[in-house]
Protein backbone atom coordinates (compact mmCIF):
# COMPACT_ATOMS: atom_id res chain seq x y z
CA MET A 1 61.74 -32.68 171.92
CA LEU A 2 60.11 -33.78 168.63
CA ASP A 3 61.86 -36.13 166.12
CA TYR A 4 61.12 -37.09 162.65
CA GLY A 5 58.48 -40.07 162.74
CA ASP A 6 56.79 -38.97 166.11
CA LEU A 7 52.92 -39.07 165.96
CA VAL A 8 51.51 -36.01 167.48
CA VAL A 9 48.14 -34.43 168.04
CA ALA A 10 47.99 -30.73 167.57
CA GLU A 11 45.19 -28.07 168.22
CA GLY A 12 44.83 -24.83 166.93
CA PRO A 13 43.13 -22.92 163.79
CA ILE A 14 43.56 -24.10 160.21
CA GLY A 15 45.67 -21.76 158.09
CA ARG A 16 48.16 -21.34 155.04
CA THR A 17 51.95 -20.75 155.23
CA ASN A 18 53.46 -17.85 152.87
CA LYS A 19 53.91 -20.47 150.29
CA GLY A 20 50.19 -21.48 150.38
CA GLU A 21 50.60 -24.68 152.18
CA THR A 22 47.79 -25.89 154.32
CA CYS A 23 49.09 -25.91 158.24
CA ILE A 24 47.84 -25.85 161.64
CA TRP A 25 48.85 -22.59 163.94
CA ALA A 26 49.17 -25.09 166.89
CA SER A 27 48.54 -23.64 170.34
CA THR A 28 49.13 -27.10 171.93
CA ILE A 29 50.98 -30.15 170.67
CA GLU A 30 50.80 -33.57 172.48
CA ILE A 31 53.11 -36.65 171.54
CA ALA A 32 50.67 -39.57 170.80
CA THR A 33 53.51 -41.88 170.06
CA LYS A 34 57.27 -41.60 170.15
CA SER A 35 59.23 -42.98 167.10
CA MET A 36 62.07 -45.25 168.75
CA ALA A 37 63.42 -46.02 165.21
CA PRO A 38 63.91 -43.43 162.48
CA PRO A 39 61.74 -44.12 159.73
CA PRO A 40 62.67 -43.52 155.93
CA GLY A 41 62.41 -39.94 154.55
CA LYS A 42 59.53 -38.96 152.65
CA TRP A 43 61.69 -36.62 150.33
CA HIS A 44 64.02 -39.64 149.07
CA GLY A 45 61.45 -42.53 149.79
CA LEU A 46 62.67 -46.05 150.19
CA GLU A 47 64.01 -47.57 146.99
CA ASP A 48 65.69 -50.95 148.19
CA ALA A 49 63.12 -53.45 146.74
CA GLU A 50 64.01 -56.04 149.35
CA ILE A 51 63.33 -53.78 152.25
CA ARG A 52 60.13 -52.45 150.61
CA TYR A 53 58.47 -56.17 150.48
CA ARG A 54 59.85 -57.30 153.70
CA LYS A 55 58.97 -54.29 155.77
CA ARG A 56 56.00 -53.23 153.92
CA TYR A 57 55.11 -50.62 156.97
CA MET A 58 58.34 -48.66 156.05
CA ASP A 59 57.23 -48.66 152.31
CA MET A 60 53.98 -47.44 153.07
CA PHE A 61 55.49 -44.58 155.22
CA ALA A 62 57.90 -43.30 152.74
CA ASN A 63 56.11 -44.06 149.51
CA PRO A 64 52.48 -42.55 149.06
CA GLU A 65 52.28 -44.26 145.82
CA THR A 66 52.56 -47.68 147.68
CA VAL A 67 49.18 -46.64 149.76
CA ARG A 68 47.54 -45.73 146.55
CA THR A 69 48.36 -48.99 144.87
CA PHE A 70 46.55 -51.11 147.77
CA GLU A 71 43.57 -48.68 147.88
CA LYS A 72 43.21 -49.51 144.11
CA ARG A 73 43.54 -53.03 144.88
CA SER A 74 40.54 -53.13 147.39
CA GLN A 75 38.59 -51.04 144.81
CA ILE A 76 39.48 -53.57 142.19
CA VAL A 77 38.36 -56.35 144.27
CA SER A 78 35.11 -54.74 145.04
CA LEU A 79 34.20 -53.98 141.47
CA VAL A 80 34.72 -57.57 140.49
CA ARG A 81 32.59 -58.81 143.52
CA ARG A 82 29.81 -56.17 142.80
CA PHE A 83 30.01 -57.05 139.04
CA MET A 84 29.36 -60.81 139.67
CA GLU A 85 26.53 -60.24 142.03
CA ALA A 86 24.71 -57.83 139.43
CA ARG A 87 24.94 -60.82 137.18
CA GLY A 88 23.31 -63.34 139.78
CA TYR A 89 26.32 -65.04 141.05
CA LEU A 90 26.22 -66.14 144.64
CA GLU A 91 29.48 -65.79 146.49
CA VAL A 92 30.48 -68.88 148.41
CA GLU A 93 33.33 -70.24 150.52
CA THR A 94 34.79 -73.58 150.26
CA PRO A 95 37.59 -75.63 152.38
CA MET A 96 41.05 -74.24 152.48
CA MET A 97 42.14 -77.45 153.76
CA GLN A 98 41.41 -80.42 151.66
CA PRO A 99 42.02 -84.09 151.93
CA ILE A 100 42.83 -84.44 148.25
CA ALA A 101 44.91 -81.80 146.37
CA GLY A 102 42.71 -81.49 143.25
CA GLY A 103 41.68 -78.99 140.94
CA ALA A 104 44.85 -78.00 139.35
CA ALA A 105 47.95 -79.50 138.25
CA ALA A 106 50.29 -78.20 140.86
CA ARG A 107 52.48 -79.13 143.90
CA PRO A 108 50.50 -78.42 147.04
CA PHE A 109 51.68 -77.45 150.60
CA VAL A 110 51.22 -80.17 153.10
CA THR A 111 49.83 -80.11 156.61
CA THR A 112 48.58 -82.40 159.46
CA HIS A 113 45.51 -82.28 161.71
CA ASN A 114 46.77 -83.74 164.82
CA ALA A 115 43.52 -84.62 166.58
CA LEU A 116 42.25 -86.44 163.41
CA ASP A 117 45.77 -88.00 162.57
CA MET A 118 45.10 -86.87 159.04
CA GLN A 119 46.93 -85.49 156.18
CA LEU A 120 45.81 -82.39 154.60
CA PHE A 121 46.65 -80.19 151.73
CA LEU A 122 46.08 -76.31 151.37
CA ARG A 123 44.05 -75.97 148.37
CA VAL A 124 45.66 -75.44 145.00
CA ALA A 125 42.20 -74.59 143.51
CA PRO A 126 38.68 -74.54 144.84
CA GLU A 127 37.24 -75.91 141.47
CA LEU A 128 36.19 -79.63 142.74
CA TYR A 129 34.12 -78.15 145.63
CA LEU A 130 32.38 -75.53 143.45
CA LYS A 131 31.29 -78.06 141.17
CA ARG A 132 29.60 -80.10 143.90
CA LEU A 133 27.60 -76.97 144.60
CA MET A 134 26.40 -77.14 140.98
CA VAL A 135 25.42 -80.94 141.59
CA GLY A 136 23.56 -79.62 144.74
CA GLY A 137 21.39 -77.06 142.75
CA MET A 138 23.18 -73.92 142.73
CA ARG A 139 23.05 -72.26 139.46
CA LYS A 140 25.74 -69.53 139.64
CA VAL A 141 28.46 -69.44 142.19
CA PHE A 142 31.65 -67.48 142.54
CA GLU A 143 34.62 -67.47 145.16
CA ILE A 144 37.36 -64.83 145.69
CA ASN A 145 39.63 -66.44 147.89
CA ARG A 146 43.46 -67.56 148.54
CA ASN A 147 44.95 -70.51 146.71
CA PHE A 148 48.58 -72.07 147.63
CA ARG A 149 51.03 -73.69 145.15
CA ASN A 150 54.18 -74.83 146.50
CA GLU A 151 56.16 -73.77 143.46
CA GLY A 152 58.59 -71.05 142.32
CA VAL A 153 58.50 -67.26 143.05
CA ASP A 154 59.11 -64.74 139.85
CA ARG A 155 57.76 -61.42 138.57
CA SER A 156 53.94 -63.18 138.23
CA HIS A 157 53.96 -66.09 140.69
CA ASN A 158 53.67 -65.93 144.60
CA PRO A 159 53.09 -69.33 146.49
CA GLU A 160 49.94 -67.69 148.17
CA PHE A 161 47.79 -65.71 145.77
CA THR A 162 44.34 -64.48 145.39
CA ALA A 163 42.09 -65.72 142.65
CA MET A 164 38.29 -65.95 141.52
CA GLU A 165 36.47 -68.92 140.26
CA ALA A 166 33.06 -68.92 138.98
CA TYR A 167 30.64 -71.40 137.42
CA GLN A 168 27.11 -71.10 135.60
CA ALA A 169 24.74 -73.96 135.10
CA PHE A 170 23.76 -74.33 131.44
CA GLY A 171 26.42 -72.03 130.18
CA ASP A 172 29.85 -72.95 128.32
CA TYR A 173 32.99 -71.47 127.60
CA MET A 174 31.83 -69.04 125.13
CA THR A 175 29.10 -67.80 128.05
CA MET A 176 32.24 -67.30 130.32
CA LEU A 177 33.98 -65.46 127.44
CA GLU A 178 31.67 -62.99 127.40
CA MET A 179 31.31 -62.39 131.07
CA VAL A 180 34.95 -62.22 131.38
CA GLU A 181 35.40 -59.75 128.58
CA SER A 182 32.65 -57.48 130.05
CA LEU A 183 34.17 -57.86 133.39
CA VAL A 184 37.93 -56.95 132.37
CA HIS A 185 36.61 -53.98 130.34
CA HIS A 186 34.46 -52.89 133.13
CA VAL A 187 37.25 -52.79 135.84
CA ALA A 188 39.58 -51.09 133.33
CA CYS A 189 36.93 -48.40 132.67
CA ALA A 190 36.81 -47.62 136.30
CA MET A 191 40.44 -47.51 136.57
CA ALA A 192 40.83 -45.17 133.57
CA GLN A 193 37.77 -43.06 134.73
CA CYS A 194 36.41 -43.46 131.14
CA PRO A 195 32.59 -44.02 130.19
CA GLU A 196 31.66 -47.84 129.68
CA ARG A 197 30.58 -46.87 125.96
CA GLY A 198 32.97 -44.85 123.80
CA ALA A 199 36.49 -44.82 122.76
CA GLY A 200 37.25 -47.30 125.55
CA PRO A 201 39.97 -47.83 128.07
CA VAL A 202 43.65 -47.73 127.42
CA LEU A 203 45.90 -48.13 130.43
CA PRO A 204 49.76 -48.27 130.76
CA PHE A 205 52.06 -51.26 131.86
CA GLY A 206 55.56 -50.68 131.52
CA ALA A 207 56.22 -49.65 128.06
CA LEU A 208 52.89 -50.70 126.81
CA GLN A 209 49.78 -48.95 126.26
CA ILE A 210 47.07 -51.54 126.76
CA ASP A 211 43.96 -51.33 124.70
CA TYR A 212 40.91 -52.68 126.64
CA ARG A 213 38.23 -51.74 124.07
CA ALA A 214 35.80 -54.74 123.55
CA PRO A 215 35.71 -56.99 121.78
CA PHE A 216 39.04 -58.61 122.62
CA GLU A 217 41.09 -60.47 120.15
CA ARG A 218 40.36 -64.16 119.57
CA VAL A 219 42.70 -66.72 118.00
CA ARG A 220 42.52 -70.59 118.09
CA TYR A 221 45.40 -72.40 119.62
CA GLU A 222 45.83 -74.42 116.71
CA GLU A 223 46.08 -71.39 114.27
CA LEU A 224 48.88 -69.85 116.66
CA PHE A 225 50.62 -73.00 116.56
CA MET A 226 50.57 -73.25 112.58
CA ARG A 227 51.74 -69.59 112.62
CA ALA A 228 54.64 -70.26 115.03
CA PHE A 229 55.70 -73.70 113.52
CA GLY A 230 54.54 -73.88 109.89
CA PHE A 231 52.92 -77.52 110.39
CA ASP A 232 49.90 -78.78 111.55
CA MET A 233 49.97 -79.79 115.51
CA ARG A 234 48.53 -83.26 115.11
CA ASP A 235 51.43 -84.24 112.90
CA GLU A 236 53.40 -86.22 115.41
CA VAL A 237 56.68 -86.87 113.47
CA LYS A 238 57.13 -83.09 112.85
CA VAL A 239 56.17 -82.19 116.55
CA ARG A 240 58.70 -84.83 117.77
CA ALA A 241 61.41 -83.25 115.64
CA ALA A 242 60.46 -79.77 116.92
CA GLY A 243 60.61 -80.77 120.38
CA VAL A 244 64.16 -82.27 120.03
CA ALA A 245 65.12 -79.17 118.09
CA HIS A 246 63.89 -76.70 120.90
CA HIS A 247 65.41 -78.88 123.61
CA ILE A 248 62.20 -79.72 125.19
CA ASP A 249 63.24 -81.99 128.23
CA LYS A 250 62.27 -85.81 127.37
CA ALA A 251 61.16 -84.62 123.77
CA ALA A 252 61.76 -88.26 122.29
CA THR A 253 59.33 -90.01 124.96
CA LEU A 254 56.89 -87.19 126.02
CA ASP A 255 53.22 -87.57 125.38
CA HIS A 256 52.42 -85.97 121.80
CA TRP A 257 49.76 -83.60 123.31
CA LEU A 258 51.97 -82.56 126.24
CA LEU A 259 55.01 -82.02 123.96
CA VAL A 260 52.76 -79.71 121.61
CA ASN A 261 51.87 -77.71 124.66
CA HIS A 262 55.31 -77.25 125.58
CA LEU A 263 56.29 -75.90 121.94
CA PHE A 264 53.37 -73.66 122.24
CA GLU A 265 54.29 -72.14 125.50
CA GLU A 266 57.98 -71.95 124.25
CA LYS A 267 57.15 -70.00 120.82
CA ALA A 268 53.57 -69.51 119.91
CA GLU A 269 52.50 -67.64 122.96
CA ALA A 270 55.19 -64.94 122.02
CA LEU A 271 53.07 -64.26 118.92
CA ILE A 272 50.30 -62.71 121.00
CA ASP A 273 50.11 -59.03 120.72
CA PRO A 274 50.68 -57.92 124.44
CA ALA A 275 49.10 -54.71 124.15
CA ARG A 276 45.58 -56.25 123.18
CA PRO A 277 43.77 -58.55 125.45
CA THR A 278 43.58 -61.97 123.66
CA PHE A 279 41.54 -64.91 124.13
CA VAL A 280 43.26 -68.16 122.84
CA LEU A 281 40.57 -70.83 122.17
CA ASP A 282 40.29 -74.66 121.91
CA TYR A 283 43.24 -76.13 123.71
CA PRO A 284 44.12 -79.77 123.38
CA SER A 285 41.91 -82.22 125.23
CA ALA A 286 44.74 -84.09 126.61
CA ILE A 287 46.07 -81.04 128.88
CA SER A 288 42.56 -80.13 129.72
CA PRO A 289 41.45 -83.18 132.18
CA LEU A 290 38.26 -81.18 133.57
CA THR A 291 36.98 -80.00 130.29
CA ARG A 292 34.41 -81.05 128.11
CA PRO A 293 35.92 -82.12 124.67
CA ASN A 294 34.54 -80.80 121.46
CA ARG A 295 31.69 -82.94 120.06
CA ALA A 296 33.01 -82.68 116.58
CA HIS A 297 36.69 -82.78 117.26
CA PRO A 298 37.00 -84.77 120.70
CA GLU A 299 41.04 -83.92 120.47
CA ILE A 300 40.05 -80.43 121.27
CA ALA A 301 38.67 -79.18 124.42
CA GLU A 302 36.33 -76.35 124.77
CA ARG A 303 38.65 -74.20 126.73
CA TRP A 304 40.12 -70.63 126.33
CA ASP A 305 42.93 -68.82 128.35
CA LEU A 306 43.06 -65.00 128.42
CA PHE A 307 46.47 -63.38 127.99
CA ILE A 308 47.22 -59.66 128.58
CA ALA A 309 50.78 -58.21 128.46
CA GLY A 310 52.18 -61.55 128.05
CA MET A 311 50.54 -63.02 131.14
CA GLU A 312 47.88 -65.76 131.53
CA ILE A 313 45.04 -63.87 133.28
CA GLY A 314 42.99 -66.85 133.60
CA PRO A 315 41.31 -69.98 131.57
CA ALA A 316 37.58 -71.05 131.26
CA TYR A 317 35.96 -74.03 130.20
CA THR A 318 32.92 -75.80 129.18
CA GLU A 319 32.69 -78.18 132.22
CA LEU A 320 33.33 -82.04 131.86
CA ASN A 321 30.12 -83.74 133.65
CA ASP A 322 30.28 -87.20 132.27
CA PRO A 323 31.32 -89.10 135.32
CA ASP A 324 32.91 -92.12 133.18
CA ILE A 325 35.16 -89.90 131.12
CA GLN A 326 36.16 -88.07 134.15
CA LEU A 327 37.27 -91.12 135.76
CA SER A 328 38.98 -92.11 132.63
CA LYS A 329 40.94 -88.87 132.59
CA PHE A 330 41.72 -88.72 136.24
CA THR A 331 43.06 -92.25 135.92
CA GLU A 332 45.32 -91.41 132.80
CA GLN A 333 46.25 -88.17 134.81
CA LEU A 334 47.62 -90.55 137.63
CA ALA A 335 49.29 -93.09 135.11
CA GLY A 336 51.30 -90.12 133.87
CA ALA A 337 52.45 -88.79 137.06
CA ASP A 338 56.09 -88.92 138.06
CA ASP A 339 57.47 -90.48 141.34
CA GLU A 340 57.26 -86.93 143.13
CA GLU A 341 53.70 -86.16 141.68
CA SER A 342 52.59 -89.66 142.77
CA THR A 343 53.27 -88.51 146.46
CA PHE A 344 50.37 -86.21 146.53
CA ARG A 345 48.12 -87.27 143.47
CA THR A 346 44.96 -89.15 144.63
CA LEU A 347 42.01 -89.87 142.43
CA ASP A 348 38.96 -88.05 143.95
CA HIS A 349 36.31 -90.71 143.84
CA ASP A 350 33.92 -88.57 145.93
CA PHE A 351 33.93 -86.18 143.11
CA VAL A 352 33.32 -88.58 140.51
CA GLU A 353 30.47 -90.02 142.56
CA SER A 354 28.99 -86.54 142.74
CA LEU A 355 28.97 -86.38 139.01
CA ARG A 356 26.91 -89.34 138.93
CA VAL A 357 24.20 -87.67 140.99
CA GLY A 358 24.11 -85.29 138.01
CA MET A 359 25.96 -82.02 137.55
CA PRO A 360 24.11 -79.69 134.65
CA PRO A 361 26.02 -78.87 131.76
CA ALA A 362 28.22 -75.59 132.85
CA GLY A 363 30.80 -73.11 132.06
CA GLY A 364 33.51 -72.41 134.47
CA MET A 365 36.22 -69.70 134.71
CA GLY A 366 39.25 -68.67 136.95
CA MET A 367 41.08 -65.43 137.30
CA GLY A 368 44.13 -64.33 138.80
CA ILE A 369 43.46 -61.38 140.89
CA ASP A 370 46.83 -60.29 141.70
CA ARG A 371 47.77 -60.25 138.18
CA LEU A 372 44.58 -58.24 137.21
CA VAL A 373 45.64 -55.76 139.95
CA MET A 374 49.11 -55.44 138.37
CA LEU A 375 47.57 -54.85 135.11
CA MET A 376 45.51 -52.27 136.42
CA THR A 377 47.93 -50.23 138.84
CA ASN A 378 50.91 -50.45 136.41
CA SER A 379 52.87 -52.76 138.73
CA GLU A 380 55.70 -54.59 137.40
CA SER A 381 55.61 -57.45 140.00
CA ILE A 382 53.29 -59.62 141.67
CA ARG A 383 55.12 -58.47 145.06
CA ASP A 384 54.05 -54.93 144.39
CA VAL A 385 50.28 -55.65 144.84
CA ILE A 386 50.55 -58.20 147.71
CA LEU A 387 50.86 -56.40 151.09
CA PHE A 388 53.23 -59.31 152.59
CA PRO A 389 54.82 -61.38 149.73
CA LEU A 390 56.58 -64.42 150.76
CA MET A 391 60.39 -63.64 151.17
CA ARG A 392 63.53 -65.80 151.79
CA HIS A 393 64.72 -65.86 155.17
CA GLN A 394 67.47 -62.99 155.75
């Protein structure tokens, strides 16, 4: 007795039904696996998002499009890896468990190594280890791996996520801009099945048609701020007043540049065309502690962020390699930490010591692979492109 969901092995000639469908004229049928629980029907699919994410195997059984999404994800990661290797970057692996939570301003997951009686953190970013490789003589490195951040979950955030970071000695943030622009264009061309040269790829994302033709848009941070608020971001009185008017938390006492960035995220980012990939260049130095300041305007950092469809896809920097300035920035960061942050923030003296050995001038970048896959597969949630996303207990 066969039931829906049983896995069978059939032998016989291949033919076609009266309706033209391919079939097997079975002479023998053997049950390979008996289905003990009825799977969802293929005709109606599985529409409950909670079940789709919690029981991915049922989602894949019922929805062939889910399988295609993860096949495309694998293809995209392979495209990224081959692109980097073709440009001479060496793929490396750095620790997932780290004694200091460094490389990004994010709350870490904490664990303990029992045998060594040692507190460790799941990494929030690989940056400081990859820079140590620059000190050691590697000239072009990249890593595609998991990061972990003990923070909220929403449409574009999952506590466990895949990212790529890359560093190039004797490059800068504009070197990385050219590389990332070429990389995203290359992946979009592959997904759209269009030639690298020509009209360029346009891919759907929700209601948008995103135009990935190079060159991407470029706009300076302070230009966007001026367009959004109508005054210079250096004007402390007007910035403070705007912070209060926009109900920014602690606007009356917050550091000037932190307040500027809160306002920027609140209003200026909304001015970026979601249908055109856009590089926002030259962020304030005060919010970029691992970035080299602009030599002519030290309050500005040589940093950009790439935005597509309203999402930040990743930043890039001209890396700070002066150990004294780096130590000063780390110290300022610790001094500004709140009580909660101070429980896991530690000054990484070993990293500063590595800079004293000598790190070459370098450009560095990071990119959220999950968000890139979302864009390339027209997936509305990051949970749609992670096989087993984190879910609350039932």
